All heavy atoms as atom14 arrays in JSON, in Angstrom:
{
  "sequence": "AAVFVLCPQNDSGRIAGFYTLCSTSIELMGLPKDVQKRLPRYPQV",
  "atom14_mask": [
    [1, 1, 1, 1, 1, 0, 0, 0, 0, 0, 0, 0, 0, 0],
    [1, 1, 1, 1, 1, 0, 0, 0, 0, 0, 0, 0, 0, 0],
    [1, 1, 1, 1, 1, 1, 1, 0, 0, 0, 0, 0, 0, 0],
    [1, 1, 1, 1, 1, 1, 1, 1, 1, 1, 1, 0, 0, 0],
    [1, 1, 1, 1, 1, 1, 1, 0, 0, 0, 0, 0, 0, 0],
    [1, 1, 1, 1, 1, 1, 1, 1, 0, 0, 0, 0, 0, 0],
    [1, 1, 1, 1, 1, 1, 0, 0, 0, 0, 0, 0, 0, 0],
    [1, 1, 1, 1, 1, 1, 1, 0, 0, 0, 0, 0, 0, 0],
    [1, 1, 1, 1, 1, 1, 1, 1, 1, 0, 0, 0, 0, 0],
    [1, 1, 1, 1, 1, 1, 1, 1, 0, 0, 0, 0, 0, 0],
    [1, 1, 1, 1, 1, 1, 1, 1, 0, 0, 0, 0, 0, 0],
    [1, 1, 1, 1, 1, 1, 0, 0, 0, 0, 0, 0, 0, 0],
    [1, 1, 1, 1, 0, 0, 0, 0, 0, 0, 0, 0, 0, 0],
    [1, 1, 1, 1, 1, 1, 1, 1, 1, 1, 1, 0, 0, 0],
    [1, 1, 1, 1, 1, 1, 1, 1, 0, 0, 0, 0, 0, 0],
    [1, 1, 1, 1, 1, 0, 0, 0, 0, 0, 0, 0, 0, 0],
    [1, 1, 1, 1, 0, 0, 0, 0, 0, 0, 0, 0, 0, 0],
    [1, 1, 1, 1, 1, 1, 1, 1, 1, 1, 1, 0, 0, 0],
    [1, 1, 1, 1, 1, 1, 1, 1, 1, 1, 1, 1, 0, 0],
    [1, 1, 1, 1, 1, 1, 1, 0, 0, 0, 0, 0, 0, 0],
    [1, 1, 1, 1, 1, 1, 1, 1, 0, 0, 0, 0, 0, 0],
    [1, 1, 1, 1, 1, 1, 0, 0, 0, 0, 0, 0, 0, 0],
    [1, 1, 1, 1, 1, 1, 0, 0, 0, 0, 0, 0, 0, 0],
    [1, 1, 1, 1, 1, 1, 1, 0, 0, 0, 0, 0, 0, 0],
    [1, 1, 1, 1, 1, 1, 0, 0, 0, 0, 0, 0, 0, 0],
    [1, 1, 1, 1, 1, 1, 1, 1, 0, 0, 0, 0, 0, 0],
    [1, 1, 1, 1, 1, 1, 1, 1, 1, 0, 0, 0, 0, 0],
    [1, 1, 1, 1, 1, 1, 1, 1, 0, 0, 0, 0, 0, 0],
    [1, 1, 1, 1, 1, 1, 1, 1, 0, 0, 0, 0, 0, 0],
    [1, 1, 1, 1, 0, 0, 0, 0, 0, 0, 0, 0, 0, 0],
    [1, 1, 1, 1, 1, 1, 1, 1, 0, 0, 0, 0, 0, 0],
    [1, 1, 1, 1, 1, 1, 1, 0, 0, 0, 0, 0, 0, 0],
    [1, 1, 1, 1, 1, 1, 1, 1, 1, 0, 0, 0, 0, 0],
    [1, 1, 1, 1, 1, 1, 1, 1, 0, 0, 0, 0, 0, 0],
    [1, 1, 1, 1, 1, 1, 1, 0, 0, 0, 0, 0, 0, 0],
    [1, 1, 1, 1, 1, 1, 1, 1, 1, 0, 0, 0, 0, 0],
    [1, 1, 1, 1, 1, 1, 1, 1, 1, 0, 0, 0, 0, 0],
    [1, 1, 1, 1, 1, 1, 1, 1, 1, 1, 1, 0, 0, 0],
    [1, 1, 1, 1, 1, 1, 1, 1, 0, 0, 0, 0, 0, 0],
    [1, 1, 1, 1, 1, 1, 1, 0, 0, 0, 0, 0, 0, 0],
    [1, 1, 1, 1, 1, 1, 1, 1, 1, 1, 1, 0, 0, 0],
    [1, 1, 1, 1, 1, 1, 1, 1, 1, 1, 1, 1, 0, 0],
    [1, 1, 1, 1, 1, 1, 1, 0, 0, 0, 0, 0, 0, 0],
    [1, 1, 1, 1, 1, 1, 1, 1, 1, 0, 0, 0, 0, 0],
    [1, 1, 1, 1, 1, 1, 1, 0, 0, 0, 0, 0, 0, 0]
  ],
  "atom14_positions": [
    [[-8.01, -6.35, 5.99], [-7.42, -6.11, 4.67], [-8.52, -6.14, 3.62], [-9.52, -6.85, 3.78], [-6.37, -7.17, 4.35], [0.0, 0.0, 0.0], [0.0, 0.0, 0.0], [0.0, 0.0, 0.0], [0.0, 0.0, 0.0], [0.0, 0.0, 0.0], [0.0, 0.0, 0.0], [0.0, 0.0, 0.0], [0.0, 0.0, 0.0], [0.0, 0.0, 0.0]],
    [[-8.31, -5.36, 2.58], [-9.14, -5.46, 1.39], [-8.38, -6.36, 0.42], [-7.17, -6.18, 0.22], [-9.38, -4.09, 0.78], [0.0, 0.0, 0.0], [0.0, 0.0, 0.0], [0.0, 0.0, 0.0], [0.0, 0.0, 0.0], [0.0, 0.0, 0.0], [0.0, 0.0, 0.0], [0.0, 0.0, 0.0], [0.0, 0.0, 0.0], [0.0, 0.0, 0.0]],
    [[-9.06, -7.35, -0.15], [-8.41, -8.3, -1.04], [-8.99, -8.12, -2.44], [-10.2, -8.18, -2.62], [-8.61, -9.75, -0.56], [-7.91, -10.74, -1.49], [-8.11, -9.93, 0.88], [0.0, 0.0, 0.0], [0.0, 0.0, 0.0], [0.0, 0.0, 0.0], [0.0, 0.0, 0.0], [0.0, 0.0, 0.0], [0.0, 0.0, 0.0], [0.0, 0.0, 0.0]],
    [[-8.1, -7.91, -3.4], [-8.5, -7.73, -4.79], [-7.91, -8.86, -5.63], [-6.76, -9.24, -5.43], [-8.04, -6.37, -5.31], [-8.69, -5.24, -4.59], [-8.08, -4.65, -3.49], [-9.95, -4.79, -4.97], [-8.7, -3.62, -2.8], [-10.58, -3.76, -4.29], [-9.95, -3.18, -3.2], [0.0, 0.0, 0.0], [0.0, 0.0, 0.0], [0.0, 0.0, 0.0]],
    [[-8.73, -9.38, -6.55], [-8.29, -10.49, -7.39], [-8.35, -10.08, -8.85], [-9.22, -9.32, -9.27], [-9.15, -11.75, -7.15], [-8.93, -12.29, -5.75], [-10.62, -11.49, -7.39], [0.0, 0.0, 0.0], [0.0, 0.0, 0.0], [0.0, 0.0, 0.0], [0.0, 0.0, 0.0], [0.0, 0.0, 0.0], [0.0, 0.0, 0.0], [0.0, 0.0, 0.0]],
    [[-7.39, -10.56, -9.6], [-7.32, -10.33, -11.04], [-7.77, -11.61, -11.71], [-7.2, -12.68, -11.47], [-5.89, -9.98, -11.43], [-5.65, -9.54, -12.86], [-6.3, -8.17, -13.11], [-4.16, -9.46, -13.14], [0.0, 0.0, 0.0], [0.0, 0.0, 0.0], [0.0, 0.0, 0.0], [0.0, 0.0, 0.0], [0.0, 0.0, 0.0], [0.0, 0.0, 0.0]],
    [[-8.82, -11.53, -12.53], [-9.4, -12.71, -13.18], [-9.46, -12.5, -14.68], [-9.72, -11.39, -15.15], [-10.83, -12.94, -12.67], [-10.95, -13.1, -10.89], [0.0, 0.0, 0.0], [0.0, 0.0, 0.0], [0.0, 0.0, 0.0], [0.0, 0.0, 0.0], [0.0, 0.0, 0.0], [0.0, 0.0, 0.0], [0.0, 0.0, 0.0], [0.0, 0.0, 0.0]],
    [[-9.27, -13.58, -15.45], [-9.46, -13.47, -16.89], [-10.93, -13.13, -17.17], [-11.82, -13.65, -16.51], [-9.13, -14.87, -17.41], [-8.4, -15.56, -16.31], [-8.85, -14.92, -15.04], [0.0, 0.0, 0.0], [0.0, 0.0, 0.0], [0.0, 0.0, 0.0], [0.0, 0.0, 0.0], [0.0, 0.0, 0.0], [0.0, 0.0, 0.0], [0.0, 0.0, 0.0]],
    [[-11.16, -12.27, -18.13], [-12.54, -11.89, -18.46], [-13.38, -13.08, -18.88], [-14.56, -13.14, -18.58], [-12.57, -10.84, -19.57], [-12.57, -9.44, -19.05], [-12.92, -8.43, -20.12], [-12.65, -8.59, -21.29], [-13.54, -7.35, -19.68], [0.0, 0.0, 0.0], [0.0, 0.0, 0.0], [0.0, 0.0, 0.0], [0.0, 0.0, 0.0], [0.0, 0.0, 0.0]],
    [[-12.77, -14.05, -19.53], [-13.52, -15.2, -20.01], [-13.68, -16.31, -18.97], [-14.25, -17.35, -19.25], [-12.9, -15.77, -21.29], [-11.48, -16.26, -21.08], [-10.91, -16.14, -20.0], [-10.9, -16.81, -22.13], [0.0, 0.0, 0.0], [0.0, 0.0, 0.0], [0.0, 0.0, 0.0], [0.0, 0.0, 0.0], [0.0, 0.0, 0.0], [0.0, 0.0, 0.0]],
    [[-13.13, -16.1, -17.76], [-13.25, -17.08, -16.67], [-13.24, -16.32, -15.36], [-12.25, -16.32, -14.63], [-12.11, -18.09, -16.75], [-12.27, -19.25, -15.77], [-13.27, -19.27, -15.01], [-11.39, -20.13, -15.76], [0.0, 0.0, 0.0], [0.0, 0.0, 0.0], [0.0, 0.0, 0.0], [0.0, 0.0, 0.0], [0.0, 0.0, 0.0], [0.0, 0.0, 0.0]],
    [[-14.34, -15.65, -15.05], [-14.39, -14.71, -13.93], [-14.23, -15.35, -12.55], [-14.04, -14.64, -11.57], [-15.68, -13.89, -13.97], [-16.79, -14.76, -13.8], [0.0, 0.0, 0.0], [0.0, 0.0, 0.0], [0.0, 0.0, 0.0], [0.0, 0.0, 0.0], [0.0, 0.0, 0.0], [0.0, 0.0, 0.0], [0.0, 0.0, 0.0], [0.0, 0.0, 0.0]],
    [[-14.28, -16.67, -12.46], [-14.06, -17.32, -11.17], [-12.62, -17.7, -10.93], [-12.21, -17.97, -9.8], [0.0, 0.0, 0.0], [0.0, 0.0, 0.0], [0.0, 0.0, 0.0], [0.0, 0.0, 0.0], [0.0, 0.0, 0.0], [0.0, 0.0, 0.0], [0.0, 0.0, 0.0], [0.0, 0.0, 0.0], [0.0, 0.0, 0.0], [0.0, 0.0, 0.0]],
    [[-11.83, -17.71, -11.96], [-10.42, -18.11, -11.88], [-9.57, -16.93, -11.42], [-9.64, -15.84, -11.98], [-9.96, -18.59, -13.27], [-8.53, -18.94, -13.36], [-8.28, -20.29, -12.75], [-7.07, -20.49, -12.8], [-5.89, -21.04, -12.98], [-5.74, -21.49, -13.01], [-4.75, -21.16, -13.12], [0.0, 0.0, 0.0], [0.0, 0.0, 0.0], [0.0, 0.0, 0.0]],
    [[-8.76, -17.14, -10.4], [-7.9, -16.07, -9.88], [-6.52, -16.19, -10.52], [-5.81, -17.17, -10.31], [-7.8, -16.13, -8.35], [-9.18, -15.95, -7.72], [-6.82, -15.07, -7.84], [-9.21, -16.14, -6.22], [0.0, 0.0, 0.0], [0.0, 0.0, 0.0], [0.0, 0.0, 0.0], [0.0, 0.0, 0.0], [0.0, 0.0, 0.0], [0.0, 0.0, 0.0]],
    [[-6.15, -15.19, -11.31], [-4.83, -15.15, -11.94], [-3.81, -14.49, -11.02], [-2.62, -14.74, -11.11], [-4.91, -14.4, -13.26], [0.0, 0.0, 0.0], [0.0, 0.0, 0.0], [0.0, 0.0, 0.0], [0.0, 0.0, 0.0], [0.0, 0.0, 0.0], [0.0, 0.0, 0.0], [0.0, 0.0, 0.0], [0.0, 0.0, 0.0], [0.0, 0.0, 0.0]],
    [[-4.29, -13.62, -10.11], [-3.41, -12.95, -9.17], [-4.25, -12.23, -8.14], [-5.46, -12.08, -8.3], [0.0, 0.0, 0.0], [0.0, 0.0, 0.0], [0.0, 0.0, 0.0], [0.0, 0.0, 0.0], [0.0, 0.0, 0.0], [0.0, 0.0, 0.0], [0.0, 0.0, 0.0], [0.0, 0.0, 0.0], [0.0, 0.0, 0.0], [0.0, 0.0, 0.0]],
    [[-3.59, -11.81, -7.07], [-4.3, -11.06, -6.04], [-3.35, -10.14, -5.3], [-2.12, -10.31, -5.36], [-5.02, -11.99, -5.05], [-4.13, -12.62, -4.0], [-4.02, -12.06, -2.73], [-3.4, -13.77, -4.28], [-3.21, -12.64, -1.76], [-2.58, -14.34, -3.32], [-2.49, -13.77, -2.05], [0.0, 0.0, 0.0], [0.0, 0.0, 0.0], [0.0, 0.0, 0.0]],
    [[-3.92, -9.18, -4.61], [-3.16, -8.33, -3.7], [-4.07, -7.87, -2.57], [-5.29, -7.93, -2.69], [-2.49, -7.14, -4.41], [-3.43, -6.16, -5.06], [-3.97, -5.1, -4.33], [-3.79, -6.27, -6.4], [-4.83, -4.18, -4.92], [-4.63, -5.37, -6.99], [-5.15, -4.33, -6.26], [-6.01, -3.41, -6.84], [0.0, 0.0, 0.0], [0.0, 0.0, 0.0]],
    [[-3.44, -7.44, -1.49], [-4.19, -6.93, -0.34], [-3.77, -5.49, -0.07], [-2.62, -5.11, -0.32], [-3.95, -7.76, 0.93], [-2.58, -7.65, 1.33], [-4.31, -9.22, 0.71], [0.0, 0.0, 0.0], [0.0, 0.0, 0.0], [0.0, 0.0, 0.0], [0.0, 0.0, 0.0], [0.0, 0.0, 0.0], [0.0, 0.0, 0.0], [0.0, 0.0, 0.0]],
    [[-4.72, -4.71, 0.43], [-4.46, -3.33, 0.83], [-5.0, -3.1, 2.23], [-6.05, -3.65, 2.59], [-5.15, -2.34, -0.11], [-4.75, -2.33, -1.57], [-5.6, -1.32, -2.35], [-3.27, -2.02, -1.73], [0.0, 0.0, 0.0], [0.0, 0.0, 0.0], [0.0, 0.0, 0.0], [0.0, 0.0, 0.0], [0.0, 0.0, 0.0], [0.0, 0.0, 0.0]],
    [[-4.29, -2.32, 3.0], [-4.79, -1.87, 4.3], [-4.05, -0.58, 4.67], [-3.04, -0.24, 4.07], [-4.63, -2.93, 5.39], [-2.93, -3.31, 5.83], [0.0, 0.0, 0.0], [0.0, 0.0, 0.0], [0.0, 0.0, 0.0], [0.0, 0.0, 0.0], [0.0, 0.0, 0.0], [0.0, 0.0, 0.0], [0.0, 0.0, 0.0], [0.0, 0.0, 0.0]],
    [[-4.6, 0.11, 5.64], [-3.96, 1.35, 6.07], [-2.77, 1.02, 6.97], [-2.71, -0.04, 7.59], [-4.95, 2.26, 6.8], [-5.43, 1.6, 7.95], [0.0, 0.0, 0.0], [0.0, 0.0, 0.0], [0.0, 0.0, 0.0], [0.0, 0.0, 0.0], [0.0, 0.0, 0.0], [0.0, 0.0, 0.0], [0.0, 0.0, 0.0], [0.0, 0.0, 0.0]],
    [[-1.82, 1.92, 6.99], [-0.64, 1.75, 7.83], [-0.06, 3.13, 8.13], [-0.56, 4.15, 7.65], [0.42, 0.86, 7.13], [1.43, 0.49, 8.07], [1.07, 1.57, 5.95], [0.0, 0.0, 0.0], [0.0, 0.0, 0.0], [0.0, 0.0, 0.0], [0.0, 0.0, 0.0], [0.0, 0.0, 0.0], [0.0, 0.0, 0.0], [0.0, 0.0, 0.0]],
    [[0.97, 3.16, 8.91], [1.74, 4.38, 9.1], [3.19, 3.98, 9.33], [3.48, 2.85, 9.73], [1.21, 5.2, 10.29], [1.4, 4.5, 11.5], [0.0, 0.0, 0.0], [0.0, 0.0, 0.0], [0.0, 0.0, 0.0], [0.0, 0.0, 0.0], [0.0, 0.0, 0.0], [0.0, 0.0, 0.0], [0.0, 0.0, 0.0], [0.0, 0.0, 0.0]],
    [[4.08, 4.89, 9.03], [5.5, 4.66, 9.29], [6.05, 5.88, 10.0], [5.53, 6.99, 9.88], [6.28, 4.37, 7.99], [6.1, 5.48, 6.96], [5.86, 3.05, 7.39], [6.91, 5.26, 5.7], [0.0, 0.0, 0.0], [0.0, 0.0, 0.0], [0.0, 0.0, 0.0], [0.0, 0.0, 0.0], [0.0, 0.0, 0.0], [0.0, 0.0, 0.0]],
    [[7.1, 5.66, 10.76], [7.7, 6.77, 11.5], [8.37, 7.73, 10.53], [9.11, 7.3, 9.63], [8.74, 6.25, 12.49], [8.15, 5.49, 13.64], [9.21, 5.06, 14.65], [10.38, 5.51, 14.53], [8.86, 4.29, 15.53], [0.0, 0.0, 0.0], [0.0, 0.0, 0.0], [0.0, 0.0, 0.0], [0.0, 0.0, 0.0], [0.0, 0.0, 0.0]],
    [[8.12, 9.0, 10.72], [8.76, 10.02, 9.89], [10.27, 9.86, 9.92], [10.93, 9.93, 8.88], [8.36, 11.43, 10.36], [9.03, 12.59, 9.62], [8.56, 12.64, 8.17], [8.75, 13.9, 10.32], [0.0, 0.0, 0.0], [0.0, 0.0, 0.0], [0.0, 0.0, 0.0], [0.0, 0.0, 0.0], [0.0, 0.0, 0.0], [0.0, 0.0, 0.0]],
    [[10.82, 9.62, 11.11], [12.27, 9.51, 11.26], [12.84, 8.26, 10.58], [14.04, 8.16, 10.39], [12.66, 9.52, 12.74], [12.2, 10.79, 13.48], [12.6, 12.31, 12.6], [14.3, 12.51, 13.05], [0.0, 0.0, 0.0], [0.0, 0.0, 0.0], [0.0, 0.0, 0.0], [0.0, 0.0, 0.0], [0.0, 0.0, 0.0], [0.0, 0.0, 0.0]],
    [[11.97, 7.32, 10.2], [12.42, 6.12, 9.51], [12.57, 6.31, 8.02], [13.12, 5.44, 7.34], [0.0, 0.0, 0.0], [0.0, 0.0, 0.0], [0.0, 0.0, 0.0], [0.0, 0.0, 0.0], [0.0, 0.0, 0.0], [0.0, 0.0, 0.0], [0.0, 0.0, 0.0], [0.0, 0.0, 0.0], [0.0, 0.0, 0.0], [0.0, 0.0, 0.0]],
    [[12.1, 7.44, 7.51], [12.22, 7.73, 6.09], [13.57, 8.37, 5.79], [14.18, 8.98, 6.67], [11.11, 8.69, 5.65], [9.7, 8.11, 5.65], [8.66, 9.23, 5.52], [9.54, 7.12, 4.51], [0.0, 0.0, 0.0], [0.0, 0.0, 0.0], [0.0, 0.0, 0.0], [0.0, 0.0, 0.0], [0.0, 0.0, 0.0], [0.0, 0.0, 0.0]],
    [[14.05, 8.26, 4.56], [15.29, 8.95, 4.2], [15.16, 10.46, 4.43], [14.06, 11.02, 4.31], [15.45, 8.64, 2.7], [14.65, 7.41, 2.48], [13.51, 7.48, 3.45], [0.0, 0.0, 0.0], [0.0, 0.0, 0.0], [0.0, 0.0, 0.0], [0.0, 0.0, 0.0], [0.0, 0.0, 0.0], [0.0, 0.0, 0.0], [0.0, 0.0, 0.0]],
    [[16.25, 11.1, 4.75], [16.25, 12.53, 5.1], [15.64, 13.41, 4.01], [14.89, 14.33, 4.31], [17.69, 13.01, 5.37], [18.35, 12.34, 6.56], [17.76, 12.82, 7.86], [18.52, 12.19, 9.03], [17.75, 12.09, 10.22], [0.0, 0.0, 0.0], [0.0, 0.0, 0.0], [0.0, 0.0, 0.0], [0.0, 0.0, 0.0], [0.0, 0.0, 0.0]],
    [[15.92, 13.12, 2.74], [15.37, 13.95, 1.67], [13.85, 13.86, 1.6], [13.17, 14.82, 1.26], [16.0, 13.59, 0.31], [15.7, 12.16, -0.12], [15.8, 11.25, 0.72], [15.37, 11.97, -1.31], [0.0, 0.0, 0.0], [0.0, 0.0, 0.0], [0.0, 0.0, 0.0], [0.0, 0.0, 0.0], [0.0, 0.0, 0.0], [0.0, 0.0, 0.0]],
    [[13.29, 12.71, 1.97], [11.83, 12.55, 1.99], [11.25, 13.25, 3.21], [10.21, 13.91, 3.13], [11.44, 11.05, 1.96], [9.94, 10.87, 2.07], [11.98, 10.39, 0.7], [0.0, 0.0, 0.0], [0.0, 0.0, 0.0], [0.0, 0.0, 0.0], [0.0, 0.0, 0.0], [0.0, 0.0, 0.0], [0.0, 0.0, 0.0], [0.0, 0.0, 0.0]],
    [[11.93, 13.13, 4.34], [11.47, 13.79, 5.58], [11.29, 15.29, 5.37], [10.33, 15.88, 5.87], [12.48, 13.57, 6.71], [12.51, 12.2, 7.29], [13.53, 12.09, 8.4], [13.77, 13.04, 9.14], [14.16, 10.92, 8.52], [0.0, 0.0, 0.0], [0.0, 0.0, 0.0], [0.0, 0.0, 0.0], [0.0, 0.0, 0.0], [0.0, 0.0, 0.0]],
    [[12.19, 15.9, 4.64], [12.16, 17.36, 4.43], [10.9, 17.82, 3.72], [10.48, 18.96, 3.89], [13.38, 17.8, 3.61], [14.69, 17.67, 4.35], [15.84, 18.06, 3.44], [17.16, 17.8, 4.12], [18.3, 18.07, 3.23], [0.0, 0.0, 0.0], [0.0, 0.0, 0.0], [0.0, 0.0, 0.0], [0.0, 0.0, 0.0], [0.0, 0.0, 0.0]],
    [[10.3, 16.94, 2.93], [9.11, 17.31, 2.16], [7.8, 17.04, 2.89], [6.73, 17.31, 2.34], [9.1, 16.56, 0.82], [10.2, 17.05, -0.11], [10.2, 16.27, -1.38], [11.14, 15.15, -1.18], [11.16, 14.05, -1.88], [10.3, 13.86, -2.84], [12.04, 13.11, -1.64], [0.0, 0.0, 0.0], [0.0, 0.0, 0.0], [0.0, 0.0, 0.0]],
    [[7.89, 16.53, 4.1], [6.67, 16.17, 4.84], [6.54, 17.0, 6.11], [7.55, 17.45, 6.67], [6.71, 14.68, 5.2], [6.63, 13.71, 4.02], [6.96, 12.29, 4.47], [5.26, 13.76, 3.38], [0.0, 0.0, 0.0], [0.0, 0.0, 0.0], [0.0, 0.0, 0.0], [0.0, 0.0, 0.0], [0.0, 0.0, 0.0], [0.0, 0.0, 0.0]],
    [[5.32, 17.17, 6.6], [5.14, 17.86, 7.88], [5.81, 17.06, 8.99], [6.03, 15.86, 8.86], [3.62, 17.87, 8.08], [3.03, 17.54, 6.77], [4.05, 16.79, 5.99], [0.0, 0.0, 0.0], [0.0, 0.0, 0.0], [0.0, 0.0, 0.0], [0.0, 0.0, 0.0], [0.0, 0.0, 0.0], [0.0, 0.0, 0.0], [0.0, 0.0, 0.0]],
    [[6.1, 17.68, 10.06], [6.85, 17.06, 11.16], [5.97, 16.27, 12.12], [6.16, 16.28, 13.32], [7.63, 18.13, 11.94], [8.64, 18.87, 11.1], [9.81, 17.94, 10.74], [10.71, 18.57, 9.8], [10.87, 18.18, 8.54], [10.19, 17.19, 8.07], [11.71, 18.79, 7.75], [0.0, 0.0, 0.0], [0.0, 0.0, 0.0], [0.0, 0.0, 0.0]],
    [[5.01, 15.53, 11.61], [4.22, 14.63, 12.44], [5.06, 13.39, 12.74], [5.85, 12.96, 11.9], [2.93, 14.22, 11.74], [2.01, 15.38, 11.44], [1.56, 15.6, 10.14], [1.6, 16.25, 12.44], [0.72, 16.66, 9.86], [0.75, 17.31, 12.15], [0.31, 17.51, 10.86], [-0.51, 18.55, 10.58], [0.0, 0.0, 0.0], [0.0, 0.0, 0.0]],
    [[4.89, 12.78, 13.9], [5.71, 11.6, 14.22], [5.45, 10.41, 13.29], [6.34, 9.64, 12.99], [5.33, 11.24, 15.66], [4.38, 12.27, 16.14], [4.05, 13.19, 15.02], [0.0, 0.0, 0.0], [0.0, 0.0, 0.0], [0.0, 0.0, 0.0], [0.0, 0.0, 0.0], [0.0, 0.0, 0.0], [0.0, 0.0, 0.0], [0.0, 0.0, 0.0]],
    [[4.2, 10.27, 12.83], [3.82, 9.17, 11.95], [3.35, 9.72, 10.6], [2.68, 10.74, 10.55], [2.69, 8.34, 12.56], [3.07, 7.64, 13.87], [3.98, 6.45, 13.63], [3.77, 5.66, 12.71], [5.01, 6.33, 14.44], [0.0, 0.0, 0.0], [0.0, 0.0, 0.0], [0.0, 0.0, 0.0], [0.0, 0.0, 0.0], [0.0, 0.0, 0.0]],
    [[3.69, 9.01, 9.55], [3.28, 9.37, 8.2], [2.22, 8.35, 7.77], [2.48, 7.14, 7.81], [4.48, 9.33, 7.24], [4.05, 9.6, 5.81], [5.54, 10.32, 7.68], [0.0, 0.0, 0.0], [0.0, 0.0, 0.0], [0.0, 0.0, 0.0], [0.0, 0.0, 0.0], [0.0, 0.0, 0.0], [0.0, 0.0, 0.0], [0.0, 0.0, 0.0]]
  ]
}
């Protein structure tokens, strides 16, 4: 995961909040039908 922290400018060591990001995929068939229609027919999105 990539971890990002939000810090006050005047206290750059203090963590006010954070979030993580990473790659993923979801099954095309698990999406609502209206969303499926707008995507290519690959098994994973």
